[in-house]
Amino acid sequence: MARHDKRGRTQSGHEHFTKLNRSTMETAAWRALSPTAQALYPWIKLEWRGPDANNNGKIRLSTRQAGERMGCKPHTAARAFRELVAKGFLVQTEAARLGTAGAARSAAYELTELAMPPGIGRDKQEGSKLFREWRPGADFPAPKAPANNPEGRNGKSKNPCRKTAQHHAENGHERAPTMPKNGMVHAENGHEQSDSEAPTMPQNGTSLYLPGGGTE
């Protein structure tokens, strides 16, 4: 896709635009979309490069980018993406991934309204238009994108609070520290023993045995 400035013009000075088909917007699936999902659709369609350089199936727009363009939070944009998949307007062809050295890559999508490029098994002049087959209560499967690198770089958590109730044993495995049960104490070997075997505090009115065997 040609680069464009903040006014939507390409490097050659031409206006960057897309079109919305009324036949698409008058379907039951479109009416079932939230306003956010309806607002997201033209932004995704603007990433299509046209019939000559057809990139359908490889269309990418991250949830962060979508949120910035619509003026909403990324998780709100993520819900809108899932809606468009569930109603048949989009098909996710590649999942999002972090990549090497933190080079993240957003998910890739097919716009079912548009034809796919030739030579990939769908050499048709028009798209599948799955949204025409949608019925209330019969959404298409919409996978939820996992959080990127949830455990931090190289699998190490950057938030130690997530492991508050765990510690590393000498063999490298994690186990949760346990508190003694009621009436039990930890012996020196780390095993629990009955409080009848543990040292007890003298009760009120009893004598205290002092070192050397004396009494008080």
N, C-alpha and C. Protein backbone atom coordinates (compact mmCIF):
# COMPACT_ATOMS: atom_id res chain seq x y z
N MET A 1 0.84 -1.18 0.00
CA MET A 1 0.00 0.00 0.00
C MET A 1 0.88 1.24 0.00
N ALA A 2 0.52 2.22 -0.82
CA ALA A 2 1.30 3.45 -0.88
C ALA A 2 1.18 4.21 0.42
N ARG A 3 2.27 4.86 0.80
CA ARG A 3 2.24 5.65 2.02
C ARG A 3 1.41 6.90 1.80
N HIS A 4 0.77 7.35 2.89
CA HIS A 4 -0.04 8.55 2.78
C HIS A 4 0.20 9.41 4.00
N ASP A 5 -0.05 10.70 3.85
CA ASP A 5 0.18 11.64 4.94
C ASP A 5 -1.05 11.72 5.84
N LYS A 6 -1.01 12.64 6.80
CA LYS A 6 -2.10 12.75 7.77
C LYS A 6 -3.40 13.21 7.11
N ARG A 7 -3.32 13.82 5.94
CA ARG A 7 -4.54 14.23 5.24
C ARG A 7 -5.07 13.13 4.33
N GLY A 8 -4.40 11.97 4.33
CA GLY A 8 -4.89 10.86 3.53
C GLY A 8 -4.42 10.86 2.10
N ARG A 9 -3.40 11.66 1.78
CA ARG A 9 -2.90 11.72 0.41
C ARG A 9 -1.67 10.83 0.27
N THR A 10 -1.52 10.19 -0.87
CA THR A 10 -0.38 9.34 -1.13
C THR A 10 0.81 10.20 -1.54
N GLN A 11 1.98 9.53 -1.72
CA GLN A 11 3.18 10.27 -2.11
C GLN A 11 3.01 10.93 -3.47
N SER A 12 2.18 10.35 -4.33
CA SER A 12 1.95 10.95 -5.64
C SER A 12 0.94 12.08 -5.59
N GLY A 13 0.37 12.33 -4.41
CA GLY A 13 -0.58 13.44 -4.28
C GLY A 13 -2.03 13.02 -4.45
N HIS A 14 -2.27 11.74 -4.77
CA HIS A 14 -3.65 11.30 -4.97
C HIS A 14 -4.30 11.00 -3.62
N GLU A 15 -5.60 11.18 -3.56
CA GLU A 15 -6.35 10.90 -2.35
C GLU A 15 -6.44 9.39 -2.13
N HIS A 16 -6.26 8.98 -0.88
CA HIS A 16 -6.36 7.56 -0.53
C HIS A 16 -7.79 7.30 -0.08
N PHE A 17 -8.49 6.41 -0.75
CA PHE A 17 -9.90 6.20 -0.45
C PHE A 17 -10.27 4.74 -0.63
N THR A 18 -11.43 4.40 -0.11
CA THR A 18 -12.03 3.08 -0.33
C THR A 18 -13.53 3.30 -0.49
N LYS A 19 -14.25 2.24 -0.76
CA LYS A 19 -15.70 2.38 -0.93
C LYS A 19 -16.41 1.33 -0.09
N LEU A 20 -17.59 1.67 0.35
CA LEU A 20 -18.47 0.75 1.06
C LEU A 20 -19.67 0.45 0.17
N ASN A 21 -19.96 -0.83 -0.01
CA ASN A 21 -21.07 -1.24 -0.85
C ASN A 21 -22.37 -1.26 -0.05
N ARG A 22 -23.39 -0.66 -0.59
CA ARG A 22 -24.68 -0.62 0.11
C ARG A 22 -25.24 -2.02 0.31
N SER A 23 -25.01 -2.91 -0.66
CA SER A 23 -25.51 -4.27 -0.53
C SER A 23 -24.91 -4.98 0.68
N THR A 24 -23.67 -4.62 1.02
CA THR A 24 -23.02 -5.19 2.21
C THR A 24 -23.63 -4.61 3.49
N MET A 25 -23.88 -3.32 3.48
CA MET A 25 -24.36 -2.64 4.67
C MET A 25 -25.84 -2.87 4.95
N GLU A 26 -26.55 -3.44 4.01
CA GLU A 26 -27.97 -3.72 4.22
C GLU A 26 -28.24 -5.17 4.61
N THR A 27 -27.18 -5.91 4.93
CA THR A 27 -27.37 -7.29 5.35
C THR A 27 -27.68 -7.35 6.85
N ALA A 28 -28.27 -8.48 7.26
CA ALA A 28 -28.57 -8.67 8.68
C ALA A 28 -27.30 -8.72 9.50
N ALA A 29 -26.24 -9.26 8.93
CA ALA A 29 -24.97 -9.34 9.66
C ALA A 29 -24.43 -7.95 9.96
N TRP A 30 -24.54 -7.02 9.02
CA TRP A 30 -24.05 -5.66 9.25
C TRP A 30 -24.86 -4.97 10.34
N ARG A 31 -26.16 -5.14 10.32
CA ARG A 31 -27.01 -4.53 11.34
C ARG A 31 -26.73 -5.11 12.72
N ALA A 32 -26.23 -6.34 12.77
CA ALA A 32 -25.93 -6.98 14.06
C ALA A 32 -24.59 -6.51 14.63
N LEU A 33 -23.79 -5.81 13.85
CA LEU A 33 -22.49 -5.31 14.34
C LEU A 33 -22.68 -4.14 15.28
N SER A 34 -21.76 -3.99 16.21
CA SER A 34 -21.75 -2.81 17.06
C SER A 34 -21.26 -1.61 16.24
N PRO A 35 -21.57 -0.38 16.66
CA PRO A 35 -21.06 0.78 15.94
C PRO A 35 -19.54 0.80 15.82
N THR A 36 -18.84 0.27 16.83
CA THR A 36 -17.38 0.23 16.78
C THR A 36 -16.91 -0.69 15.66
N ALA A 37 -17.52 -1.86 15.53
CA ALA A 37 -17.14 -2.79 14.46
C ALA A 37 -17.46 -2.21 13.09
N GLN A 38 -18.59 -1.51 12.98
CA GLN A 38 -18.94 -0.87 11.71
C GLN A 38 -17.92 0.22 11.37
N ALA A 39 -17.45 0.95 12.39
CA ALA A 39 -16.46 2.01 12.15
C ALA A 39 -15.10 1.42 11.79
N LEU A 40 -14.79 0.23 12.30
CA LEU A 40 -13.50 -0.38 12.02
C LEU A 40 -13.41 -0.90 10.59
N TYR A 41 -14.51 -1.36 10.04
CA TYR A 41 -14.48 -2.02 8.74
C TYR A 41 -13.83 -1.17 7.64
N PRO A 42 -14.21 0.10 7.46
CA PRO A 42 -13.54 0.88 6.39
C PRO A 42 -12.05 1.08 6.62
N TRP A 43 -11.62 1.13 7.90
CA TRP A 43 -10.19 1.26 8.16
C TRP A 43 -9.43 0.01 7.71
N ILE A 44 -10.05 -1.14 7.90
CA ILE A 44 -9.41 -2.37 7.41
C ILE A 44 -9.40 -2.39 5.89
N LYS A 45 -10.50 -1.97 5.30
CA LYS A 45 -10.59 -1.99 3.84
C LYS A 45 -9.60 -1.01 3.20
N LEU A 46 -9.23 0.04 3.92
CA LEU A 46 -8.22 0.97 3.40
C LEU A 46 -6.84 0.33 3.29
N GLU A 47 -6.63 -0.79 3.98
CA GLU A 47 -5.35 -1.50 3.89
C GLU A 47 -5.28 -2.41 2.66
N TRP A 48 -6.37 -2.58 1.96
CA TRP A 48 -6.38 -3.36 0.72
C TRP A 48 -5.73 -2.54 -0.39
N ARG A 49 -4.86 -3.16 -1.18
CA ARG A 49 -4.08 -2.44 -2.18
C ARG A 49 -4.73 -2.37 -3.55
N GLY A 50 -5.92 -2.91 -3.65
CA GLY A 50 -6.61 -2.85 -4.93
C GLY A 50 -6.48 -4.13 -5.72
N PRO A 51 -7.23 -4.27 -6.82
CA PRO A 51 -7.24 -5.53 -7.58
C PRO A 51 -5.92 -5.86 -8.27
N ASP A 52 -5.13 -4.86 -8.61
CA ASP A 52 -3.88 -5.12 -9.32
C ASP A 52 -2.80 -5.66 -8.39
N ALA A 53 -2.68 -5.08 -7.21
CA ALA A 53 -1.71 -5.55 -6.22
C ALA A 53 -2.48 -6.17 -5.06
N ASN A 54 -3.31 -7.12 -5.40
CA ASN A 54 -4.26 -7.68 -4.44
C ASN A 54 -3.55 -8.34 -3.25
N ASN A 55 -3.73 -7.78 -2.07
CA ASN A 55 -3.14 -8.35 -0.86
C ASN A 55 -4.22 -8.94 0.06
N ASN A 56 -5.38 -9.23 -0.49
CA ASN A 56 -6.43 -9.82 0.33
C ASN A 56 -5.96 -11.16 0.90
N GLY A 57 -6.23 -11.37 2.16
CA GLY A 57 -5.68 -12.53 2.86
C GLY A 57 -4.39 -12.20 3.59
N LYS A 58 -3.76 -11.10 3.25
CA LYS A 58 -2.55 -10.62 3.92
C LYS A 58 -2.75 -9.21 4.47
N ILE A 59 -4.00 -8.82 4.64
CA ILE A 59 -4.30 -7.48 5.14
C ILE A 59 -4.01 -7.43 6.63
N ARG A 60 -3.22 -6.44 7.04
CA ARG A 60 -2.80 -6.33 8.44
C ARG A 60 -3.13 -4.93 8.98
N LEU A 61 -3.72 -4.93 10.16
CA LEU A 61 -3.95 -3.69 10.91
C LEU A 61 -3.99 -4.10 12.37
N SER A 62 -3.04 -3.64 13.15
CA SER A 62 -2.96 -4.06 14.55
C SER A 62 -4.08 -3.42 15.35
N THR A 63 -4.37 -4.01 16.49
CA THR A 63 -5.40 -3.45 17.36
C THR A 63 -4.97 -2.08 17.89
N ARG A 64 -3.67 -1.90 18.09
CA ARG A 64 -3.19 -0.58 18.54
C ARG A 64 -3.42 0.47 17.46
N GLN A 65 -3.08 0.15 16.20
CA GLN A 65 -3.29 1.08 15.10
C GLN A 65 -4.78 1.38 14.92
N ALA A 66 -5.59 0.32 14.99
CA ALA A 66 -7.03 0.51 14.83
C ALA A 66 -7.59 1.38 15.94
N GLY A 67 -7.11 1.17 17.17
CA GLY A 67 -7.58 1.99 18.27
C GLY A 67 -7.21 3.45 18.10
N GLU A 68 -6.00 3.72 17.61
CA GLU A 68 -5.57 5.10 17.39
C GLU A 68 -6.42 5.78 16.32
N ARG A 69 -6.76 5.03 15.28
CA ARG A 69 -7.52 5.63 14.17
C ARG A 69 -8.98 5.85 14.54
N MET A 70 -9.51 5.00 15.41
CA MET A 70 -10.92 5.16 15.80
C MET A 70 -11.08 5.94 17.09
N GLY A 71 -9.98 6.23 17.79
CA GLY A 71 -10.06 6.96 19.04
C GLY A 71 -10.60 6.12 20.18
N CYS A 72 -10.19 4.83 20.21
CA CYS A 72 -10.63 3.94 21.29
C CYS A 72 -9.43 3.14 21.79
N LYS A 73 -9.64 2.38 22.85
CA LYS A 73 -8.57 1.57 23.42
C LYS A 73 -8.34 0.31 22.58
N PRO A 74 -7.12 -0.24 22.60
CA PRO A 74 -6.83 -1.44 21.79
C PRO A 74 -7.74 -2.62 22.09
N HIS A 75 -8.11 -2.83 23.38
CA HIS A 75 -8.96 -3.98 23.66
C HIS A 75 -10.36 -3.78 23.10
N THR A 76 -10.81 -2.51 22.95
CA THR A 76 -12.09 -2.24 22.31
C THR A 76 -12.00 -2.55 20.82
N ALA A 77 -10.88 -2.17 20.20
CA ALA A 77 -10.67 -2.51 18.79
C ALA A 77 -10.58 -4.01 18.59
N ALA A 78 -9.96 -4.73 19.56
CA ALA A 78 -9.85 -6.18 19.45
C ALA A 78 -11.22 -6.84 19.44
N ARG A 79 -12.14 -6.34 20.27
CA ARG A 79 -13.50 -6.87 20.26
C ARG A 79 -14.17 -6.63 18.92
N ALA A 80 -13.90 -5.47 18.32
CA ALA A 80 -14.49 -5.16 17.01
C ALA A 80 -13.97 -6.11 15.93
N PHE A 81 -12.68 -6.43 15.98
CA PHE A 81 -12.12 -7.41 15.04
C PHE A 81 -12.85 -8.75 15.19
N ARG A 82 -13.04 -9.20 16.44
CA ARG A 82 -13.70 -10.48 16.66
C ARG A 82 -15.15 -10.46 16.16
N GLU A 83 -15.80 -9.33 16.31
CA GLU A 83 -17.17 -9.19 15.79
C GLU A 83 -17.21 -9.36 14.27
N LEU A 84 -16.27 -8.71 13.60
CA LEU A 84 -16.25 -8.79 12.14
C LEU A 84 -15.97 -10.20 11.65
N VAL A 85 -15.16 -10.95 12.41
CA VAL A 85 -14.91 -12.35 12.08
C VAL A 85 -16.16 -13.18 12.36
N ALA A 86 -16.78 -12.94 13.50
CA ALA A 86 -17.96 -13.72 13.90
C ALA A 86 -19.13 -13.52 12.96
N LYS A 87 -19.23 -12.35 12.35
CA LYS A 87 -20.35 -12.06 11.45
C LYS A 87 -20.01 -12.35 9.99
N GLY A 88 -18.78 -12.81 9.72
CA GLY A 88 -18.44 -13.23 8.36
C GLY A 88 -17.85 -12.18 7.45
N PHE A 89 -17.50 -11.03 7.99
CA PHE A 89 -16.89 -9.99 7.16
C PHE A 89 -15.38 -10.19 7.02
N LEU A 90 -14.78 -10.81 8.00
CA LEU A 90 -13.35 -11.10 7.98
C LEU A 90 -13.11 -12.57 8.25
N VAL A 91 -12.00 -13.08 7.72
CA VAL A 91 -11.48 -14.40 8.06
C VAL A 91 -10.02 -14.20 8.44
N GLN A 92 -9.65 -14.65 9.64
CA GLN A 92 -8.26 -14.53 10.06
C GLN A 92 -7.44 -15.61 9.39
N THR A 93 -6.46 -15.20 8.59
CA THR A 93 -5.63 -16.16 7.85
C THR A 93 -4.29 -16.43 8.55
N GLU A 94 -3.84 -15.51 9.39
CA GLU A 94 -2.62 -15.69 10.18
C GLU A 94 -2.83 -15.09 11.55
N ALA A 95 -2.36 -15.80 12.57
CA ALA A 95 -2.47 -15.28 13.93
C ALA A 95 -1.37 -14.27 14.20
N ALA A 96 -1.61 -13.38 15.15
CA ALA A 96 -0.58 -12.43 15.56
C ALA A 96 0.54 -13.15 16.27
N ARG A 97 1.75 -12.62 16.15
CA ARG A 97 2.89 -13.24 16.82
C ARG A 97 3.90 -12.17 17.19
N LEU A 98 4.71 -12.50 18.20
CA LEU A 98 5.71 -11.54 18.66
C LEU A 98 6.90 -11.48 17.73
N GLY A 99 7.34 -12.63 17.21
CA GLY A 99 8.49 -12.64 16.33
C GLY A 99 9.79 -12.66 17.10
N THR A 100 10.90 -12.57 16.38
CA THR A 100 12.21 -12.60 17.01
C THR A 100 12.63 -11.19 17.40
N ALA A 101 13.37 -11.11 18.51
CA ALA A 101 13.92 -9.83 18.99
C ALA A 101 12.83 -8.78 19.19
N GLY A 102 11.60 -9.26 19.55
CA GLY A 102 10.51 -8.32 19.85
C GLY A 102 9.86 -7.72 18.63
N ALA A 103 10.12 -8.24 17.41
CA ALA A 103 9.52 -7.70 16.19
C ALA A 103 8.11 -8.27 16.05
N ALA A 104 7.13 -7.60 16.65
CA ALA A 104 5.76 -8.09 16.63
C ALA A 104 5.16 -7.96 15.24
N ARG A 105 4.21 -8.86 14.95
CA ARG A 105 3.49 -8.81 13.69
C ARG A 105 2.03 -9.06 13.96
N SER A 106 1.19 -8.18 13.46
CA SER A 106 -0.24 -8.31 13.72
C SER A 106 -0.84 -9.42 12.89
N ALA A 107 -2.07 -9.80 13.22
CA ALA A 107 -2.77 -10.86 12.50
C ALA A 107 -3.06 -10.41 11.06
N ALA A 108 -3.23 -11.39 10.17
CA ALA A 108 -3.58 -11.11 8.77
C ALA A 108 -5.02 -11.56 8.54
N TYR A 109 -5.71 -10.83 7.65
CA TYR A 109 -7.13 -11.07 7.44
C TYR A 109 -7.47 -11.12 5.95
N GLU A 110 -8.55 -11.83 5.69
CA GLU A 110 -9.20 -11.82 4.37
C GLU A 110 -10.51 -11.06 4.50
N LEU A 111 -10.73 -10.12 3.62
CA LEU A 111 -12.02 -9.46 3.52
C LEU A 111 -12.90 -10.31 2.61
N THR A 112 -13.94 -10.91 3.17
CA THR A 112 -14.75 -11.84 2.38
C THR A 112 -15.55 -11.14 1.30
N GLU A 113 -15.66 -9.84 1.41
CA GLU A 113 -16.35 -9.06 0.38
C GLU A 113 -15.56 -9.00 -0.92
N LEU A 114 -14.24 -9.19 -0.83
CA LEU A 114 -13.35 -9.02 -1.97
C LEU A 114 -12.79 -10.35 -2.45
N ALA A 115 -12.42 -10.38 -3.72
CA ALA A 115 -11.81 -11.59 -4.30
C ALA A 115 -10.40 -11.78 -3.74
N MET A 116 -10.01 -13.04 -3.63
CA MET A 116 -8.66 -13.37 -3.20
C MET A 116 -7.71 -13.31 -4.41
N PRO A 117 -6.40 -13.15 -4.18
CA PRO A 117 -5.45 -13.15 -5.30
C PRO A 117 -5.48 -14.49 -6.02
N PRO A 118 -5.18 -14.52 -7.30
CA PRO A 118 -5.15 -15.80 -8.03
C PRO A 118 -3.97 -16.66 -7.59
N GLY A 119 -4.14 -17.97 -7.76
CA GLY A 119 -3.04 -18.89 -7.49
C GLY A 119 -2.96 -19.40 -6.07
N ILE A 120 -3.96 -19.11 -5.23
CA ILE A 120 -3.91 -19.63 -3.86
C ILE A 120 -5.13 -20.49 -3.56
N GLY A 121 -5.73 -21.05 -4.61
CA GLY A 121 -6.81 -21.99 -4.40
C GLY A 121 -8.20 -21.41 -4.51
N ARG A 122 -8.30 -20.08 -4.70
CA ARG A 122 -9.61 -19.47 -4.81
C ARG A 122 -9.59 -18.46 -5.95
N ASP A 123 -9.50 -18.96 -7.16
CA ASP A 123 -9.41 -18.08 -8.33
C ASP A 123 -10.80 -17.67 -8.80
N LYS A 124 -11.50 -16.90 -7.96
CA LYS A 124 -12.83 -16.42 -8.31
C LYS A 124 -12.80 -14.91 -8.47
N GLN A 125 -13.77 -14.42 -9.18
CA GLN A 125 -13.83 -13.00 -9.47
C GLN A 125 -14.43 -12.19 -8.31
N GLU A 126 -14.99 -12.87 -7.33
CA GLU A 126 -15.56 -12.17 -6.19
C GLU A 126 -15.29 -12.95 -4.91
N GLY A 127 -15.52 -12.29 -3.79
CA GLY A 127 -15.24 -12.91 -2.51
C GLY A 127 -16.31 -13.90 -2.09
N SER A 128 -16.05 -14.59 -0.99
CA SER A 128 -17.00 -15.60 -0.50
C SER A 128 -18.23 -14.97 0.14
N LYS A 129 -18.11 -13.72 0.62
CA LYS A 129 -19.23 -13.00 1.24
C LYS A 129 -19.94 -13.84 2.30
N LEU A 130 -19.16 -14.32 3.24
CA LEU A 130 -19.71 -15.17 4.30
C LEU A 130 -20.79 -14.47 5.10
N PHE A 131 -20.74 -13.15 5.16
CA PHE A 131 -21.71 -12.41 5.97
C PHE A 131 -23.14 -12.62 5.47
N ARG A 132 -23.30 -12.99 4.20
CA ARG A 132 -24.65 -13.27 3.69
C ARG A 132 -25.23 -14.55 4.28
N GLU A 133 -24.34 -15.45 4.75
CA GLU A 133 -24.79 -16.71 5.33
C GLU A 133 -25.03 -16.63 6.82
N TRP A 134 -24.66 -15.50 7.44
CA TRP A 134 -24.82 -15.37 8.88
C TRP A 134 -26.27 -15.31 9.27
N ARG A 135 -26.58 -15.96 10.41
CA ARG A 135 -27.92 -15.94 10.98
C ARG A 135 -27.81 -15.64 12.47
N PRO A 136 -28.80 -14.99 13.07
CA PRO A 136 -28.74 -14.72 14.52
C PRO A 136 -28.52 -15.99 15.32
N GLY A 137 -27.58 -15.93 16.23
CA GLY A 137 -27.26 -17.07 17.07
C GLY A 137 -26.35 -18.08 16.41
N ALA A 138 -25.87 -17.79 15.21
CA ALA A 138 -24.99 -18.72 14.49
C ALA A 138 -23.75 -17.98 14.02
N ASP A 139 -22.99 -17.44 14.98
CA ASP A 139 -21.75 -16.73 14.64
C ASP A 139 -20.71 -17.69 14.10
N PHE A 140 -19.84 -17.17 13.26
CA PHE A 140 -18.68 -17.92 12.79
C PHE A 140 -17.63 -17.94 13.91
N PRO A 141 -16.79 -18.98 13.96
CA PRO A 141 -15.75 -19.04 15.01
C PRO A 141 -14.82 -17.83 14.92
N ALA A 142 -14.62 -17.19 16.05
CA ALA A 142 -13.77 -16.00 16.10
C ALA A 142 -12.72 -16.22 17.18
N PRO A 143 -11.51 -16.66 16.79
CA PRO A 143 -10.47 -16.91 17.81
C PRO A 143 -10.07 -15.63 18.52
N LYS A 144 -9.86 -15.76 19.81
CA LYS A 144 -9.41 -14.62 20.60
C LYS A 144 -7.89 -14.57 20.58
N ALA A 145 -7.34 -13.44 20.18
CA ALA A 145 -5.89 -13.31 20.08
C ALA A 145 -5.28 -13.34 21.46
N PRO A 146 -4.23 -14.17 21.67
CA PRO A 146 -3.58 -14.20 22.98
C PRO A 146 -2.73 -12.97 23.20
N ALA A 147 -2.46 -12.67 24.46
CA ALA A 147 -1.60 -11.54 24.79
C ALA A 147 -0.19 -11.82 24.27
N ASN A 148 0.45 -10.80 23.69
CA ASN A 148 1.81 -10.96 23.20
C ASN A 148 2.76 -11.17 24.35
N ASN A 149 3.54 -12.26 24.31
CA ASN A 149 4.60 -12.52 25.28
C ASN A 149 4.14 -12.29 26.72
N PRO A 150 3.13 -13.04 27.20
CA PRO A 150 2.57 -12.75 28.52
C PRO A 150 3.55 -12.94 29.66
N GLU A 151 4.64 -13.69 29.46
CA GLU A 151 5.59 -13.93 30.53
C GLU A 151 6.83 -13.04 30.43
N GLY A 152 6.80 -12.04 29.55
CA GLY A 152 7.95 -11.15 29.43
C GLY A 152 8.97 -11.69 28.44
N ARG A 153 10.03 -10.95 28.21
CA ARG A 153 11.05 -11.35 27.24
C ARG A 153 11.71 -12.65 27.67
N ASN A 154 11.92 -13.54 26.69
CA ASN A 154 12.56 -14.84 26.91
C ASN A 154 11.81 -15.69 27.94
N GLY A 155 10.50 -15.47 28.06
CA GLY A 155 9.70 -16.28 28.95
C GLY A 155 9.82 -15.94 30.41
N LYS A 156 10.52 -14.87 30.76
CA LYS A 156 10.70 -14.49 32.16
C LYS A 156 9.73 -13.37 32.51
N SER A 157 8.97 -13.59 33.54
CA SER A 157 7.98 -12.61 33.93
C SER A 157 8.64 -11.33 34.42
N LYS A 158 8.13 -10.19 33.96
CA LYS A 158 8.64 -8.91 34.41
C LYS A 158 7.84 -8.39 35.60
N ASN A 159 6.83 -9.13 36.00
CA ASN A 159 6.00 -8.72 37.11
C ASN A 159 6.11 -9.75 38.21
N PRO A 160 6.97 -9.54 39.20
CA PRO A 160 7.17 -10.56 40.23
C PRO A 160 5.92 -10.83 41.04
N CYS A 161 4.96 -9.91 41.04
CA CYS A 161 3.75 -10.12 41.81
C CYS A 161 2.94 -11.29 41.28
N ARG A 162 3.15 -11.70 40.04
CA ARG A 162 2.42 -12.82 39.48
C ARG A 162 2.86 -14.12 40.11
N LYS A 163 4.02 -14.14 40.77
CA LYS A 163 4.53 -15.36 41.38
C LYS A 163 4.64 -15.20 42.89
N THR A 164 3.76 -14.40 43.47
CA THR A 164 3.86 -14.12 44.90
C THR A 164 3.78 -15.39 45.73
N ALA A 165 2.87 -16.29 45.36
CA ALA A 165 2.63 -17.49 46.17
C ALA A 165 3.49 -18.66 45.74
N GLN A 166 4.56 -18.40 44.98
CA GLN A 166 5.40 -19.49 44.51
C GLN A 166 6.87 -19.16 44.75
N HIS A 167 7.70 -20.16 44.90
CA HIS A 167 9.15 -19.94 44.96
C HIS A 167 9.83 -21.13 44.31
N HIS A 168 11.09 -20.95 43.98
CA HIS A 168 11.84 -21.98 43.30
C HIS A 168 12.48 -22.93 44.31
N ALA A 169 12.24 -24.22 44.13
CA ALA A 169 12.93 -25.21 44.95
C ALA A 169 14.32 -25.45 44.38
N GLU A 170 15.13 -26.19 45.09
CA GLU A 170 16.51 -26.40 44.66
C GLU A 170 16.59 -27.15 43.35
N ASN A 171 15.58 -27.98 43.04
CA ASN A 171 15.62 -28.73 41.79
C ASN A 171 15.10 -27.94 40.60
N GLY A 172 14.77 -26.69 40.82
CA GLY A 172 14.34 -25.85 39.71
C GLY A 172 12.85 -25.82 39.48
N HIS A 173 12.08 -26.66 40.17
CA HIS A 173 10.63 -26.67 40.00
C HIS A 173 10.00 -25.70 40.97
N GLU A 174 8.85 -25.18 40.58
CA GLU A 174 8.16 -24.24 41.44
C GLU A 174 7.17 -24.99 42.32
N ARG A 175 7.06 -24.55 43.55
CA ARG A 175 6.03 -25.09 44.42
C ARG A 175 5.54 -23.98 45.32
N ALA A 176 4.32 -24.09 45.74
CA ALA A 176 3.75 -23.05 46.58
C ALA A 176 4.12 -23.29 48.02
N PRO A 177 4.61 -22.28 48.74
CA PRO A 177 4.90 -22.46 50.16
C PRO A 177 3.63 -22.72 50.93
N THR A 178 3.67 -23.66 51.88
CA THR A 178 2.49 -24.03 52.63
C THR A 178 2.62 -23.58 54.06
N MET A 179 1.51 -23.24 54.65
CA MET A 179 1.46 -22.87 56.06
C MET A 179 1.08 -24.09 56.87
N PRO A 180 1.56 -24.25 58.11
CA PRO A 180 1.17 -25.40 58.92
C PRO A 180 -0.32 -25.42 59.15
N LYS A 181 -0.88 -26.62 59.20
CA LYS A 181 -2.29 -26.75 59.52
C LYS A 181 -2.51 -26.39 60.98
N ASN A 182 -3.79 -26.18 61.32
CA ASN A 182 -4.12 -25.89 62.71
C ASN A 182 -3.65 -27.03 63.60
N GLY A 183 -2.93 -26.67 64.67
CA GLY A 183 -2.46 -27.70 65.59
C GLY A 183 -1.20 -28.39 65.14
N MET A 184 -0.56 -27.91 64.06
CA MET A 184 0.64 -28.54 63.54
C MET A 184 1.73 -27.49 63.46
N VAL A 185 2.98 -27.90 63.60
CA VAL A 185 4.12 -27.00 63.44
C VAL A 185 5.13 -27.68 62.56
N HIS A 186 6.06 -26.90 62.02
CA HIS A 186 7.11 -27.45 61.18
C HIS A 186 8.28 -27.90 62.05
N ALA A 187 8.70 -29.12 61.85
CA ALA A 187 9.90 -29.60 62.54
C ALA A 187 11.12 -29.13 61.77
N GLU A 188 12.29 -29.38 62.30
CA GLU A 188 13.52 -28.92 61.67
C GLU A 188 13.73 -29.55 60.31
N ASN A 189 13.21 -30.77 60.09
CA ASN A 189 13.40 -31.42 58.80
C ASN A 189 12.39 -30.96 57.77
N GLY A 190 11.53 -30.01 58.12
CA GLY A 190 10.58 -29.45 57.18
C GLY A 190 9.26 -30.18 57.15
N HIS A 191 9.11 -31.31 57.86
CA HIS A 191 7.84 -32.03 57.87
C HIS A 191 6.97 -31.52 59.00
N GLU A 192 5.68 -31.71 58.84
CA GLU A 192 4.77 -31.28 59.88
C GLU A 192 4.70 -32.33 60.98
N GLN A 193 4.59 -31.88 62.21
CA GLN A 193 4.41 -32.80 63.31
C GLN A 193 3.33 -32.26 64.23
N SER A 194 2.73 -33.14 64.99
CA SER A 194 1.65 -32.75 65.88
C SER A 194 2.17 -31.79 66.93
N ASP A 195 1.30 -30.87 67.38
CA ASP A 195 1.73 -29.93 68.41
C ASP A 195 1.96 -30.63 69.74
N SER A 196 1.50 -31.92 69.85
CA SER A 196 1.79 -32.66 71.07
C SER A 196 3.26 -33.02 71.16
N GLU A 197 3.95 -33.05 69.99
CA GLU A 197 5.37 -33.35 69.97
C GLU A 197 6.21 -32.10 69.98
N ALA A 198 5.58 -30.95 69.79
CA ALA A 198 6.33 -29.70 69.69
C ALA A 198 6.49 -29.07 71.07
N PRO A 199 7.48 -28.20 71.22
CA PRO A 199 7.64 -27.52 72.50
C PRO A 199 6.40 -26.71 72.83
N THR A 200 5.94 -26.78 74.06
CA THR A 200 4.74 -26.07 74.46
C THR A 200 5.09 -24.98 75.45
N MET A 201 4.29 -23.93 75.47
CA MET A 201 4.44 -22.84 76.43
C MET A 201 3.74 -23.23 77.72
N PRO A 202 4.33 -22.93 78.88
CA PRO A 202 3.67 -23.29 80.14
C PRO A 202 2.38 -22.53 80.34
N GLN A 203 1.40 -23.18 80.90
CA GLN A 203 0.13 -22.55 81.17
C GLN A 203 0.24 -21.69 82.43
N ASN A 204 -0.72 -20.79 82.58
CA ASN A 204 -0.73 -19.94 83.78
C ASN A 204 -0.85 -20.80 85.04
N GLY A 205 -0.02 -20.53 86.03
CA GLY A 205 -0.10 -21.24 87.30
C GLY A 205 0.78 -22.46 87.38
N THR A 206 1.47 -22.82 86.31
CA THR A 206 2.37 -23.97 86.35
C THR A 206 3.78 -23.47 86.54
N SER A 207 4.66 -24.36 87.03
CA SER A 207 6.04 -23.97 87.27
C SER A 207 6.84 -23.98 85.99
N LEU A 208 7.82 -23.14 85.91
CA LEU A 208 8.73 -23.07 84.77
C LEU A 208 10.01 -23.78 85.14
N TYR A 209 10.41 -24.73 84.35
CA TYR A 209 11.66 -25.45 84.59
C TYR A 209 12.79 -24.63 83.99
N LEU A 210 13.73 -24.26 84.77
CA LEU A 210 14.82 -23.44 84.33
C LEU A 210 16.00 -24.32 83.95
N PRO A 211 16.96 -23.82 83.16
CA PRO A 211 18.14 -24.61 82.82
C PRO A 211 18.83 -25.11 84.09
N GLY A 212 19.28 -26.37 84.06
CA GLY A 212 19.94 -26.97 85.21
C GLY A 212 18.97 -27.75 86.08
N GLY A 213 17.68 -27.78 85.73
CA GLY A 213 16.72 -28.58 86.45
C GLY A 213 16.08 -27.89 87.60
N GLY A 214 16.37 -26.60 87.83
CA GLY A 214 15.74 -25.89 88.93
C GLY A 214 14.31 -25.52 88.63
N THR A 215 13.59 -25.17 89.64
CA THR A 215 12.21 -24.74 89.47
C THR A 215 12.05 -23.35 90.01
N GLU A 216 11.02 -22.68 89.50
CA GLU A 216 10.74 -21.32 89.93
C GLU A 216 9.68 -21.31 91.00
